[in-house]
Amino acid sequence: MSYPCFVIADDHPLFRAALRQALTHQWPDADIAEVGNIDTLLSQITSQPDIDLLLLDLQMPGAQGFSALIHLQSQHPEIPVLIVSASETPEIMCRAIDHGASGFLPKSSSSEQISNAVQQVLYGKRWLPENVRYQAQPKGEEHNVANVIASLTPQQFRVASYLVQGLLNKQIAWELQVTEATIKAHITEIFRKLGVHSRTQAVLMLSQLDVQTSQAS
């Protein structure tokens, strides 16, 4: 008999512990890993590919709103992702589904709701709170930026994330343990894909994926 393998990606240790408790109550023999940032998450997925479910916070360090979800779905489409977030508006939930999430679990959910959501997603079904009806969101600039994020290599994605955080080429090179020339080459390619010519323009484009960004005009 095989036991489910879960990864909890959230930067708050107390909430990770609460999720772990809810999961172990329903699946006492489950293999559960915890990570607190995107870099660690990417490393975890590389070293442990047989993941049955990723529970992902939208406000993870190293990600720009939906960017981590989009990137992970492009690189590892076989891993279902259940978004777990304190941002609980129906619009954000629907945007998460549009970007490839298998479900959206509000952080205010009870242990019973957590177990139910995880069970449904493990069965290959979509899960949203009972009071939320899925509606596809309009495809605008956010959709175009999402396509760019999906096309980035893992290293380019990391560079783009550091770019949004305001790090200089030298700092990014130090973080990734590569040369500045390598970082410049990655940034040039990111700019080309985004159709921009400056860091400011790139950051503005990538901000379309922020959780707070509304598509309503």
N, C-alpha and C. Protein backbone atom coordinates (compact mmCIF):
# COMPACT_ATOMS: atom_id res chain seq x y z
N MET A 1 0.84 -1.20 0.00
CA MET A 1 0.00 0.00 0.00
C MET A 1 0.88 1.25 0.00
N SER A 2 0.59 2.20 -0.89
CA SER A 2 1.37 3.43 -0.94
C SER A 2 0.65 4.54 -0.18
N TYR A 3 1.44 5.40 0.41
CA TYR A 3 0.89 6.50 1.18
C TYR A 3 1.11 7.80 0.42
N PRO A 4 0.18 8.76 0.55
CA PRO A 4 0.31 10.01 -0.20
C PRO A 4 1.53 10.81 0.23
N CYS A 5 2.09 11.53 -0.73
CA CYS A 5 3.22 12.41 -0.48
C CYS A 5 2.77 13.85 -0.67
N PHE A 6 2.84 14.64 0.39
CA PHE A 6 2.41 16.03 0.35
C PHE A 6 3.61 16.96 0.52
N VAL A 7 3.54 18.13 -0.11
CA VAL A 7 4.50 19.20 0.17
C VAL A 7 3.71 20.43 0.57
N ILE A 8 4.03 20.99 1.72
CA ILE A 8 3.39 22.21 2.21
C ILE A 8 4.36 23.36 1.99
N ALA A 9 3.98 24.32 1.16
CA ALA A 9 4.83 25.46 0.86
C ALA A 9 4.20 26.74 1.40
N ASP A 10 4.72 27.19 2.53
CA ASP A 10 4.19 28.37 3.20
C ASP A 10 5.30 28.95 4.07
N ASP A 11 5.41 30.27 4.13
CA ASP A 11 6.51 30.86 4.89
C ASP A 11 6.18 31.05 6.38
N HIS A 12 4.99 30.65 6.81
CA HIS A 12 4.62 30.77 8.22
C HIS A 12 4.67 29.39 8.89
N PRO A 13 5.65 29.15 9.76
CA PRO A 13 5.80 27.84 10.41
C PRO A 13 4.56 27.38 11.16
N LEU A 14 3.85 28.30 11.81
CA LEU A 14 2.66 27.91 12.57
C LEU A 14 1.56 27.40 11.65
N PHE A 15 1.41 28.05 10.50
CA PHE A 15 0.37 27.58 9.58
C PHE A 15 0.78 26.26 8.94
N ARG A 16 2.06 26.11 8.64
CA ARG A 16 2.52 24.82 8.11
C ARG A 16 2.22 23.70 9.11
N ALA A 17 2.44 24.00 10.39
CA ALA A 17 2.18 23.00 11.43
C ALA A 17 0.69 22.66 11.49
N ALA A 18 -0.16 23.67 11.34
CA ALA A 18 -1.61 23.44 11.37
C ALA A 18 -2.05 22.58 10.18
N LEU A 19 -1.48 22.85 9.02
CA LEU A 19 -1.81 22.05 7.84
C LEU A 19 -1.31 20.62 8.01
N ARG A 20 -0.10 20.49 8.51
CA ARG A 20 0.45 19.15 8.75
C ARG A 20 -0.45 18.35 9.68
N GLN A 21 -0.92 19.00 10.74
CA GLN A 21 -1.79 18.32 11.71
C GLN A 21 -3.07 17.85 11.05
N ALA A 22 -3.66 18.71 10.21
CA ALA A 22 -4.89 18.34 9.52
C ALA A 22 -4.66 17.18 8.56
N LEU A 23 -3.52 17.17 7.89
CA LEU A 23 -3.22 16.10 6.94
C LEU A 23 -2.93 14.77 7.64
N THR A 24 -2.16 14.83 8.71
CA THR A 24 -1.81 13.60 9.42
C THR A 24 -3.02 13.00 10.14
N HIS A 25 -3.99 13.84 10.47
CA HIS A 25 -5.22 13.32 11.09
C HIS A 25 -5.96 12.42 10.11
N GLN A 26 -5.99 12.83 8.83
CA GLN A 26 -6.69 12.06 7.80
C GLN A 26 -5.80 10.99 7.18
N TRP A 27 -4.50 11.31 7.04
CA TRP A 27 -3.54 10.37 6.43
C TRP A 27 -2.35 10.22 7.38
N PRO A 28 -2.49 9.44 8.43
CA PRO A 28 -1.44 9.34 9.47
C PRO A 28 -0.09 8.85 8.96
N ASP A 29 -0.07 8.12 7.85
CA ASP A 29 1.18 7.59 7.34
C ASP A 29 1.72 8.36 6.14
N ALA A 30 1.14 9.53 5.91
CA ALA A 30 1.56 10.32 4.74
C ALA A 30 2.99 10.83 4.89
N ASP A 31 3.65 10.97 3.75
CA ASP A 31 4.97 11.58 3.70
C ASP A 31 4.76 13.08 3.47
N ILE A 32 5.14 13.90 4.46
CA ILE A 32 4.87 15.34 4.37
C ILE A 32 6.17 16.13 4.49
N ALA A 33 6.43 16.96 3.48
CA ALA A 33 7.59 17.85 3.50
C ALA A 33 7.11 19.29 3.63
N GLU A 34 7.91 20.12 4.29
CA GLU A 34 7.57 21.53 4.46
C GLU A 34 8.68 22.41 3.91
N VAL A 35 8.29 23.47 3.20
CA VAL A 35 9.27 24.43 2.69
C VAL A 35 8.74 25.85 2.95
N GLY A 36 9.69 26.79 3.06
CA GLY A 36 9.29 28.15 3.42
C GLY A 36 9.55 29.20 2.36
N ASN A 37 10.13 28.81 1.21
CA ASN A 37 10.35 29.77 0.12
C ASN A 37 10.40 29.02 -1.21
N ILE A 38 10.38 29.78 -2.29
CA ILE A 38 10.28 29.18 -3.62
C ILE A 38 11.54 28.41 -4.00
N ASP A 39 12.71 28.94 -3.68
CA ASP A 39 13.94 28.23 -4.03
C ASP A 39 13.98 26.85 -3.40
N THR A 40 13.61 26.78 -2.11
CA THR A 40 13.59 25.49 -1.43
C THR A 40 12.53 24.57 -2.03
N LEU A 41 11.41 25.15 -2.42
CA LEU A 41 10.35 24.36 -3.04
C LEU A 41 10.82 23.73 -4.35
N LEU A 42 11.47 24.53 -5.19
CA LEU A 42 11.96 24.02 -6.47
C LEU A 42 12.97 22.90 -6.26
N SER A 43 13.83 23.07 -5.26
CA SER A 43 14.81 22.02 -4.94
C SER A 43 14.12 20.76 -4.44
N GLN A 44 13.08 20.95 -3.61
CA GLN A 44 12.34 19.82 -3.05
C GLN A 44 11.67 19.01 -4.15
N ILE A 45 11.08 19.70 -5.12
CA ILE A 45 10.39 19.01 -6.21
C ILE A 45 11.39 18.26 -7.09
N THR A 46 12.57 18.84 -7.27
CA THR A 46 13.60 18.18 -8.07
C THR A 46 14.08 16.90 -7.40
N SER A 47 14.24 16.96 -6.08
CA SER A 47 14.77 15.80 -5.36
C SER A 47 13.68 14.77 -5.02
N GLN A 48 12.41 15.21 -5.05
CA GLN A 48 11.30 14.32 -4.69
C GLN A 48 10.18 14.48 -5.71
N PRO A 49 10.34 13.88 -6.89
CA PRO A 49 9.38 14.10 -7.98
C PRO A 49 8.02 13.44 -7.78
N ASP A 50 7.95 12.39 -6.95
CA ASP A 50 6.69 11.66 -6.79
C ASP A 50 5.79 12.32 -5.75
N ILE A 51 5.37 13.53 -6.04
CA ILE A 51 4.53 14.29 -5.11
C ILE A 51 3.08 14.15 -5.54
N ASP A 52 2.23 13.77 -4.60
CA ASP A 52 0.80 13.60 -4.91
C ASP A 52 0.04 14.91 -4.87
N LEU A 53 0.51 15.84 -4.03
CA LEU A 53 -0.19 17.13 -3.92
C LEU A 53 0.73 18.18 -3.31
N LEU A 54 0.72 19.36 -3.93
CA LEU A 54 1.43 20.52 -3.40
C LEU A 54 0.41 21.50 -2.85
N LEU A 55 0.56 21.87 -1.58
CA LEU A 55 -0.28 22.89 -0.97
C LEU A 55 0.54 24.17 -0.95
N LEU A 56 0.16 25.14 -1.77
CA LEU A 56 0.99 26.31 -2.05
C LEU A 56 0.33 27.62 -1.61
N ASP A 57 1.08 28.37 -0.79
CA ASP A 57 0.63 29.71 -0.40
C ASP A 57 0.94 30.68 -1.53
N LEU A 58 0.04 31.61 -1.80
CA LEU A 58 0.27 32.58 -2.88
C LEU A 58 1.30 33.64 -2.50
N GLN A 59 1.48 33.88 -1.22
CA GLN A 59 2.39 34.94 -0.78
C GLN A 59 3.74 34.38 -0.36
N MET A 60 4.29 33.49 -1.16
CA MET A 60 5.57 32.87 -0.84
C MET A 60 6.74 33.78 -1.21
N PRO A 61 7.74 33.86 -0.33
CA PRO A 61 8.95 34.63 -0.67
C PRO A 61 9.59 34.05 -1.93
N GLY A 62 9.94 34.94 -2.87
CA GLY A 62 10.56 34.49 -4.11
C GLY A 62 9.58 34.34 -5.24
N ALA A 63 8.32 34.70 -5.00
CA ALA A 63 7.30 34.59 -6.07
C ALA A 63 6.55 35.90 -6.20
N GLN A 64 6.02 36.13 -7.37
CA GLN A 64 5.23 37.33 -7.66
C GLN A 64 3.78 36.89 -7.86
N GLY A 65 3.00 36.87 -6.76
CA GLY A 65 1.61 36.46 -6.88
C GLY A 65 1.46 35.05 -7.43
N PHE A 66 0.87 34.95 -8.61
CA PHE A 66 0.60 33.65 -9.23
C PHE A 66 1.81 33.07 -9.98
N SER A 67 2.95 33.77 -9.96
CA SER A 67 4.08 33.34 -10.79
C SER A 67 4.58 31.94 -10.45
N ALA A 68 4.66 31.61 -9.15
CA ALA A 68 5.15 30.28 -8.77
C ALA A 68 4.20 29.19 -9.26
N LEU A 69 2.91 29.42 -9.11
CA LEU A 69 1.91 28.46 -9.59
C LEU A 69 2.07 28.24 -11.08
N ILE A 70 2.20 29.32 -11.83
CA ILE A 70 2.31 29.23 -13.29
C ILE A 70 3.57 28.48 -13.70
N HIS A 71 4.68 28.85 -13.06
CA HIS A 71 5.95 28.20 -13.39
C HIS A 71 5.93 26.71 -13.06
N LEU A 72 5.41 26.38 -11.89
CA LEU A 72 5.36 24.97 -11.48
C LEU A 72 4.44 24.16 -12.39
N GLN A 73 3.36 24.74 -12.82
CA GLN A 73 2.44 24.03 -13.71
C GLN A 73 3.08 23.78 -15.07
N SER A 74 3.94 24.71 -15.51
CA SER A 74 4.60 24.53 -16.80
C SER A 74 5.72 23.49 -16.71
N GLN A 75 6.41 23.46 -15.55
CA GLN A 75 7.54 22.55 -15.39
C GLN A 75 7.12 21.17 -14.88
N HIS A 76 6.07 21.15 -14.07
CA HIS A 76 5.63 19.88 -13.44
C HIS A 76 4.10 19.78 -13.51
N PRO A 77 3.56 19.66 -14.71
CA PRO A 77 2.09 19.62 -14.85
C PRO A 77 1.44 18.41 -14.19
N GLU A 78 2.26 17.39 -13.87
CA GLU A 78 1.72 16.18 -13.26
C GLU A 78 1.44 16.35 -11.77
N ILE A 79 1.94 17.43 -11.16
CA ILE A 79 1.74 17.66 -9.73
C ILE A 79 0.53 18.57 -9.52
N PRO A 80 -0.55 18.07 -8.93
CA PRO A 80 -1.70 18.94 -8.65
C PRO A 80 -1.35 19.95 -7.55
N VAL A 81 -1.85 21.17 -7.71
CA VAL A 81 -1.57 22.24 -6.75
C VAL A 81 -2.86 22.74 -6.13
N LEU A 82 -2.89 22.72 -4.81
CA LEU A 82 -4.01 23.29 -4.05
C LEU A 82 -3.51 24.58 -3.43
N ILE A 83 -4.04 25.70 -3.89
CA ILE A 83 -3.64 26.98 -3.34
C ILE A 83 -4.26 27.14 -1.95
N VAL A 84 -3.42 27.58 -1.01
CA VAL A 84 -3.89 27.84 0.35
C VAL A 84 -3.53 29.29 0.65
N SER A 85 -4.54 30.14 0.82
CA SER A 85 -4.24 31.57 0.92
C SER A 85 -5.21 32.31 1.82
N ALA A 86 -4.72 33.43 2.37
CA ALA A 86 -5.57 34.31 3.16
C ALA A 86 -6.34 35.28 2.25
N SER A 87 -5.94 35.34 0.98
CA SER A 87 -6.66 36.14 -0.01
C SER A 87 -7.85 35.31 -0.49
N GLU A 88 -9.04 35.70 -0.05
CA GLU A 88 -10.18 34.79 -0.21
C GLU A 88 -11.31 35.33 -1.09
N THR A 89 -11.02 36.28 -1.98
CA THR A 89 -12.09 36.79 -2.83
C THR A 89 -12.35 35.79 -3.97
N PRO A 90 -13.59 35.67 -4.42
CA PRO A 90 -13.90 34.75 -5.52
C PRO A 90 -13.06 35.02 -6.77
N GLU A 91 -12.76 36.29 -7.05
CA GLU A 91 -11.98 36.62 -8.24
C GLU A 91 -10.59 35.99 -8.16
N ILE A 92 -9.95 36.10 -7.01
CA ILE A 92 -8.61 35.52 -6.84
C ILE A 92 -8.66 34.01 -6.96
N MET A 93 -9.70 33.40 -6.39
CA MET A 93 -9.85 31.95 -6.49
C MET A 93 -10.00 31.51 -7.94
N CYS A 94 -10.78 32.25 -8.69
CA CYS A 94 -11.00 31.89 -10.10
C CYS A 94 -9.73 32.12 -10.93
N ARG A 95 -8.99 33.18 -10.60
CA ARG A 95 -7.72 33.41 -11.30
C ARG A 95 -6.75 32.27 -11.04
N ALA A 96 -6.74 31.77 -9.80
CA ALA A 96 -5.86 30.64 -9.46
C ALA A 96 -6.21 29.42 -10.31
N ILE A 97 -7.50 29.16 -10.46
CA ILE A 97 -7.93 28.02 -11.29
C ILE A 97 -7.52 28.24 -12.74
N ASP A 98 -7.68 29.46 -13.23
CA ASP A 98 -7.30 29.77 -14.61
C ASP A 98 -5.81 29.54 -14.84
N HIS A 99 -5.01 29.75 -13.80
CA HIS A 99 -3.57 29.57 -13.93
C HIS A 99 -3.11 28.15 -13.62
N GLY A 100 -4.06 27.23 -13.46
CA GLY A 100 -3.70 25.83 -13.36
C GLY A 100 -3.88 25.17 -12.01
N ALA A 101 -4.34 25.89 -11.00
CA ALA A 101 -4.55 25.28 -9.69
C ALA A 101 -5.70 24.28 -9.75
N SER A 102 -5.59 23.23 -8.94
CA SER A 102 -6.66 22.23 -8.86
C SER A 102 -7.71 22.60 -7.82
N GLY A 103 -7.41 23.59 -7.02
CA GLY A 103 -8.36 24.02 -6.01
C GLY A 103 -7.83 25.22 -5.25
N PHE A 104 -8.70 25.80 -4.44
CA PHE A 104 -8.32 26.97 -3.65
C PHE A 104 -8.91 26.81 -2.25
N LEU A 105 -8.03 26.77 -1.26
CA LEU A 105 -8.43 26.55 0.12
C LEU A 105 -8.14 27.80 0.94
N PRO A 106 -9.16 28.50 1.42
CA PRO A 106 -8.93 29.67 2.28
C PRO A 106 -8.24 29.27 3.58
N LYS A 107 -7.36 30.13 4.07
CA LYS A 107 -6.65 29.81 5.31
C LYS A 107 -7.58 29.77 6.52
N SER A 108 -8.77 30.29 6.37
CA SER A 108 -9.74 30.27 7.46
C SER A 108 -10.51 28.96 7.51
N SER A 109 -10.18 28.02 6.63
CA SER A 109 -10.93 26.75 6.54
C SER A 109 -10.73 25.91 7.80
N SER A 110 -11.75 25.11 8.10
CA SER A 110 -11.68 24.19 9.23
C SER A 110 -10.88 22.95 8.84
N SER A 111 -10.51 22.15 9.82
CA SER A 111 -9.78 20.90 9.54
C SER A 111 -10.59 19.99 8.63
N GLU A 112 -11.91 19.98 8.85
CA GLU A 112 -12.78 19.14 8.01
C GLU A 112 -12.76 19.61 6.56
N GLN A 113 -12.79 20.93 6.35
CA GLN A 113 -12.75 21.48 5.00
C GLN A 113 -11.40 21.18 4.33
N ILE A 114 -10.31 21.27 5.12
CA ILE A 114 -8.99 20.97 4.59
C ILE A 114 -8.93 19.53 4.10
N SER A 115 -9.40 18.61 4.94
CA SER A 115 -9.39 17.19 4.57
C SER A 115 -10.23 16.94 3.32
N ASN A 116 -11.40 17.58 3.27
CA ASN A 116 -12.30 17.41 2.13
C ASN A 116 -11.68 17.94 0.85
N ALA A 117 -11.06 19.13 0.94
CA ALA A 117 -10.44 19.74 -0.24
C ALA A 117 -9.30 18.86 -0.76
N VAL A 118 -8.45 18.40 0.15
CA VAL A 118 -7.31 17.56 -0.25
C VAL A 118 -7.81 16.26 -0.88
N GLN A 119 -8.82 15.66 -0.27
CA GLN A 119 -9.38 14.41 -0.78
C GLN A 119 -9.91 14.58 -2.20
N GLN A 120 -10.64 15.66 -2.43
CA GLN A 120 -11.22 15.91 -3.75
C GLN A 120 -10.13 16.10 -4.81
N VAL A 121 -9.11 16.86 -4.46
CA VAL A 121 -8.03 17.12 -5.42
C VAL A 121 -7.23 15.85 -5.69
N LEU A 122 -7.03 15.02 -4.66
CA LEU A 122 -6.34 13.74 -4.86
C LEU A 122 -7.13 12.83 -5.80
N TYR A 123 -8.45 12.98 -5.78
CA TYR A 123 -9.32 12.21 -6.68
C TYR A 123 -9.36 12.80 -8.09
N GLY A 124 -8.64 13.90 -8.30
CA GLY A 124 -8.60 14.51 -9.62
C GLY A 124 -9.71 15.51 -9.87
N LYS A 125 -10.39 15.91 -8.80
CA LYS A 125 -11.50 16.87 -8.94
C LYS A 125 -11.05 18.28 -8.55
N ARG A 126 -11.78 19.27 -9.01
CA ARG A 126 -11.52 20.65 -8.62
C ARG A 126 -12.24 20.95 -7.32
N TRP A 127 -11.60 21.74 -6.44
CA TRP A 127 -12.26 22.09 -5.18
C TRP A 127 -12.21 23.59 -4.95
N LEU A 128 -13.38 24.15 -4.68
CA LEU A 128 -13.53 25.53 -4.26
C LEU A 128 -14.52 25.55 -3.10
N PRO A 129 -14.47 26.58 -2.25
CA PRO A 129 -15.46 26.67 -1.18
C PRO A 129 -16.89 26.61 -1.74
N GLU A 130 -17.81 26.10 -0.96
CA GLU A 130 -19.19 25.89 -1.43
C GLU A 130 -19.85 27.17 -1.94
N ASN A 131 -19.46 28.30 -1.37
CA ASN A 131 -20.13 29.55 -1.75
C ASN A 131 -19.49 30.23 -2.97
N VAL A 132 -18.49 29.58 -3.57
CA VAL A 132 -17.79 30.18 -4.71
C VAL A 132 -18.10 29.38 -5.97
N ARG A 133 -18.54 30.08 -6.97
CA ARG A 133 -18.81 29.45 -8.27
C ARG A 133 -17.73 29.88 -9.25
N TYR A 134 -17.09 28.90 -9.87
CA TYR A 134 -15.99 29.22 -10.79
C TYR A 134 -16.51 29.94 -12.02
N GLN A 135 -15.82 31.03 -12.36
CA GLN A 135 -16.08 31.76 -13.59
C GLN A 135 -14.73 32.12 -14.21
N ALA A 136 -14.53 31.74 -15.46
CA ALA A 136 -13.27 32.07 -16.13
C ALA A 136 -13.10 33.58 -16.18
N GLN A 137 -11.87 34.04 -15.89
CA GLN A 137 -11.59 35.47 -15.90
C GLN A 137 -11.18 35.94 -17.29
N PRO A 138 -11.43 37.22 -17.59
CA PRO A 138 -11.06 37.75 -18.92
C PRO A 138 -9.57 37.59 -19.18
N LYS A 139 -9.22 37.23 -20.41
CA LYS A 139 -7.81 37.06 -20.77
C LYS A 139 -7.26 38.40 -21.26
N GLY A 140 -6.48 39.04 -20.42
CA GLY A 140 -5.86 40.31 -20.79
C GLY A 140 -4.36 40.22 -20.70
N GLU A 141 -3.75 41.31 -20.23
CA GLU A 141 -2.29 41.36 -20.11
C GLU A 141 -1.77 40.29 -19.17
N GLU A 142 -2.54 39.99 -18.12
CA GLU A 142 -2.12 38.96 -17.17
C GLU A 142 -1.91 37.61 -17.87
N HIS A 143 -2.77 37.29 -18.80
CA HIS A 143 -2.66 36.03 -19.54
C HIS A 143 -1.37 35.99 -20.36
N ASN A 144 -1.03 37.13 -20.98
CA ASN A 144 0.19 37.20 -21.78
C ASN A 144 1.43 37.04 -20.91
N VAL A 145 1.43 37.71 -19.74
CA VAL A 145 2.57 37.60 -18.83
C VAL A 145 2.67 36.17 -18.30
N ALA A 146 1.54 35.54 -18.05
CA ALA A 146 1.54 34.15 -17.58
C ALA A 146 2.19 33.23 -18.61
N ASN A 147 1.92 33.48 -19.89
CA ASN A 147 2.53 32.67 -20.95
C ASN A 147 4.05 32.83 -20.96
N VAL A 148 4.50 34.05 -20.67
CA VAL A 148 5.95 34.29 -20.60
C VAL A 148 6.56 33.54 -19.43
N ILE A 149 5.93 33.63 -18.26
CA ILE A 149 6.43 32.92 -17.07
C ILE A 149 6.50 31.42 -17.34
N ALA A 150 5.50 30.91 -18.01
CA ALA A 150 5.45 29.47 -18.32
C ALA A 150 6.58 29.06 -19.26
N SER A 151 7.08 30.01 -20.05
CA SER A 151 8.13 29.70 -21.03
C SER A 151 9.53 29.82 -20.45
N LEU A 152 9.66 30.38 -19.24
CA LEU A 152 10.98 30.58 -18.65
C LEU A 152 11.57 29.27 -18.14
N THR A 153 12.88 29.15 -18.26
CA THR A 153 13.57 28.02 -17.64
C THR A 153 13.58 28.23 -16.13
N PRO A 154 13.84 27.18 -15.34
CA PRO A 154 13.91 27.36 -13.89
C PRO A 154 14.88 28.46 -13.47
N GLN A 155 16.04 28.53 -14.14
CA GLN A 155 17.02 29.57 -13.77
C GLN A 155 16.52 30.95 -14.16
N GLN A 156 15.89 31.07 -15.32
CA GLN A 156 15.33 32.36 -15.73
C GLN A 156 14.22 32.79 -14.78
N PHE A 157 13.43 31.83 -14.31
CA PHE A 157 12.37 32.15 -13.37
C PHE A 157 12.94 32.71 -12.08
N ARG A 158 14.03 32.11 -11.59
CA ARG A 158 14.67 32.60 -10.37
C ARG A 158 15.19 34.03 -10.58
N VAL A 159 15.80 34.25 -11.74
CA VAL A 159 16.32 35.59 -12.05
C VAL A 159 15.19 36.61 -12.09
N ALA A 160 14.08 36.25 -12.73
CA ALA A 160 12.93 37.15 -12.81
C ALA A 160 12.39 37.47 -11.41
N SER A 161 12.37 36.47 -10.55
CA SER A 161 11.88 36.67 -9.18
C SER A 161 12.78 37.63 -8.41
N TYR A 162 14.08 37.47 -8.56
CA TYR A 162 15.02 38.38 -7.89
C TYR A 162 14.94 39.77 -8.49
N LEU A 163 14.65 39.83 -9.78
CA LEU A 163 14.50 41.12 -10.46
C LEU A 163 13.36 41.91 -9.83
N VAL A 164 12.25 41.22 -9.60
CA VAL A 164 11.08 41.86 -8.98
C VAL A 164 11.40 42.34 -7.57
N GLN A 165 12.27 41.61 -6.87
CA GLN A 165 12.64 41.99 -5.52
C GLN A 165 13.61 43.17 -5.48
N GLY A 166 14.07 43.60 -6.65
CA GLY A 166 14.93 44.77 -6.73
C GLY A 166 16.42 44.49 -6.61
N LEU A 167 16.82 43.23 -6.70
CA LEU A 167 18.24 42.89 -6.59
C LEU A 167 19.01 43.31 -7.85
N LEU A 168 20.25 43.74 -7.65
CA LEU A 168 21.12 44.09 -8.76
C LEU A 168 21.70 42.82 -9.38
N ASN A 169 22.24 42.96 -10.59
CA ASN A 169 22.83 41.79 -11.27
C ASN A 169 23.87 41.11 -10.39
N LYS A 170 24.71 41.91 -9.74
CA LYS A 170 25.76 41.36 -8.89
C LYS A 170 25.16 40.55 -7.75
N GLN A 171 24.08 41.06 -7.15
CA GLN A 171 23.43 40.36 -6.03
C GLN A 171 22.77 39.06 -6.50
N ILE A 172 22.13 39.12 -7.68
CA ILE A 172 21.48 37.91 -8.22
C ILE A 172 22.54 36.86 -8.53
N ALA A 173 23.65 37.31 -9.09
CA ALA A 173 24.74 36.38 -9.41
C ALA A 173 25.25 35.69 -8.15
N TRP A 174 25.34 36.45 -7.08
CA TRP A 174 25.81 35.88 -5.81
C TRP A 174 24.80 34.87 -5.28
N GLU A 175 23.52 35.22 -5.36
CA GLU A 175 22.47 34.32 -4.86
C GLU A 175 22.46 32.99 -5.63
N LEU A 176 22.67 33.08 -6.93
CA LEU A 176 22.59 31.88 -7.78
C LEU A 176 23.95 31.23 -8.03
N GLN A 177 24.99 31.87 -7.49
CA GLN A 177 26.35 31.32 -7.64
C GLN A 177 26.75 31.15 -9.10
N VAL A 178 26.48 32.20 -9.89
CA VAL A 178 26.90 32.22 -11.29
C VAL A 178 27.54 33.57 -11.57
N THR A 179 28.04 33.76 -12.79
CA THR A 179 28.69 35.02 -13.14
C THR A 179 27.65 36.10 -13.48
N GLU A 180 28.09 37.36 -13.39
CA GLU A 180 27.21 38.46 -13.77
C GLU A 180 26.85 38.39 -15.26
N ALA A 181 27.78 37.90 -16.05
CA ALA A 181 27.52 37.76 -17.49
C ALA A 181 26.35 36.80 -17.73
N THR A 182 26.30 35.74 -16.94
CA THR A 182 25.19 34.78 -17.06
C THR A 182 23.87 35.45 -16.70
N ILE A 183 23.89 36.24 -15.64
CA ILE A 183 22.67 36.95 -15.22
C ILE A 183 22.23 37.93 -16.29
N LYS A 184 23.18 38.66 -16.86
CA LYS A 184 22.84 39.62 -17.93
C LYS A 184 22.19 38.91 -19.11
N ALA A 185 22.71 37.72 -19.44
CA ALA A 185 22.14 36.96 -20.56
C ALA A 185 20.72 36.52 -20.25
N HIS A 186 20.48 36.09 -19.01
CA HIS A 186 19.14 35.69 -18.60
C HIS A 186 18.18 36.89 -18.64
N ILE A 187 18.62 38.02 -18.14
CA ILE A 187 17.77 39.21 -18.11
C ILE A 187 17.44 39.68 -19.53
N THR A 188 18.42 39.62 -20.41
CA THR A 188 18.18 39.98 -21.82
C THR A 188 17.08 39.10 -22.41
N GLU A 189 17.13 37.81 -22.11
CA GLU A 189 16.12 36.89 -22.63
C GLU A 189 14.76 37.14 -22.00
N ILE A 190 14.74 37.45 -20.70
CA ILE A 190 13.48 37.76 -20.02
C ILE A 190 12.86 39.02 -20.61
N PHE A 191 13.69 40.04 -20.83
CA PHE A 191 13.20 41.28 -21.45
C PHE A 191 12.62 41.00 -22.83
N ARG A 192 13.33 40.17 -23.60
CA ARG A 192 12.87 39.85 -24.96
C ARG A 192 11.51 39.18 -24.93
N LYS A 193 11.34 38.22 -24.02
CA LYS A 193 10.07 37.50 -23.94
C LYS A 193 8.93 38.40 -23.47
N LEU A 194 9.26 39.32 -22.56
CA LEU A 194 8.24 40.24 -22.05
C LEU A 194 7.97 41.39 -23.03
N GLY A 195 8.91 41.62 -23.96
CA GLY A 195 8.77 42.74 -24.90
C GLY A 195 9.04 44.07 -24.25
N VAL A 196 10.01 44.10 -23.31
CA VAL A 196 10.35 45.34 -22.60
C VAL A 196 11.84 45.62 -22.76
N HIS A 197 12.25 46.82 -22.29
CA HIS A 197 13.65 47.23 -22.46
C HIS A 197 14.29 47.70 -21.17
N SER A 198 13.58 47.61 -20.06
CA SER A 198 14.16 48.07 -18.80
C SER A 198 13.63 47.24 -17.63
N ARG A 199 14.34 47.33 -16.52
CA ARG A 199 13.91 46.63 -15.31
C ARG A 199 12.56 47.14 -14.83
N THR A 200 12.38 48.45 -14.89
CA THR A 200 11.11 49.03 -14.44
C THR A 200 9.94 48.49 -15.24
N GLN A 201 10.11 48.42 -16.55
CA GLN A 201 9.06 47.88 -17.41
C GLN A 201 8.80 46.41 -17.11
N ALA A 202 9.87 45.66 -16.87
CA ALA A 202 9.73 44.23 -16.57
C ALA A 202 8.97 44.03 -15.27
N VAL A 203 9.32 44.80 -14.25
CA VAL A 203 8.65 44.67 -12.95
C VAL A 203 7.17 45.04 -13.07
N LEU A 204 6.87 46.08 -13.84
CA LEU A 204 5.47 46.47 -14.04
C LEU A 204 4.69 45.37 -14.75
N MET A 205 5.32 44.74 -15.73
CA MET A 205 4.66 43.65 -16.44
C MET A 205 4.41 42.47 -15.51
N LEU A 206 5.43 42.09 -14.76
CA LEU A 206 5.31 40.94 -13.86
C LEU A 206 4.33 41.20 -12.73
N SER A 207 4.11 42.49 -12.40
CA SER A 207 3.16 42.83 -11.33
C SER A 207 1.73 42.51 -11.72
N GLN A 208 1.49 42.22 -13.01
CA GLN A 208 0.15 41.80 -13.44
C GLN A 208 -0.28 40.52 -12.74
N LEU A 209 0.71 39.75 -12.26
CA LEU A 209 0.41 38.47 -11.60
C LEU A 209 0.22 38.62 -10.10
N ASP A 210 0.32 39.84 -9.60
CA ASP A 210 0.10 40.05 -8.17
C ASP A 210 -1.31 39.61 -7.77
N VAL A 211 -1.44 39.12 -6.56
CA VAL A 211 -2.75 38.69 -6.07
C VAL A 211 -3.70 39.86 -5.99
N GLN A 212 -3.17 41.03 -5.66
CA GLN A 212 -4.04 42.19 -5.46
C GLN A 212 -4.52 42.80 -6.78
N THR A 213 -3.83 42.45 -7.89
CA THR A 213 -4.19 43.04 -9.16
C THR A 213 -5.57 42.56 -9.62
N SER A 214 -6.42 43.49 -9.93
CA SER A 214 -7.75 43.14 -10.42
C SER A 214 -7.81 43.27 -11.93
N GLN A 215 -8.49 42.35 -12.55
CA GLN A 215 -8.63 42.43 -14.01
C GLN A 215 -9.80 43.32 -14.40
N ALA A 216 -10.58 43.69 -13.44
CA ALA A 216 -11.72 44.56 -13.75
C ALA A 216 -11.20 45.97 -13.99
N SER A 217 -11.67 46.63 -15.03
CA SER A 217 -11.22 47.98 -15.31
C SER A 217 -12.33 48.97 -15.04
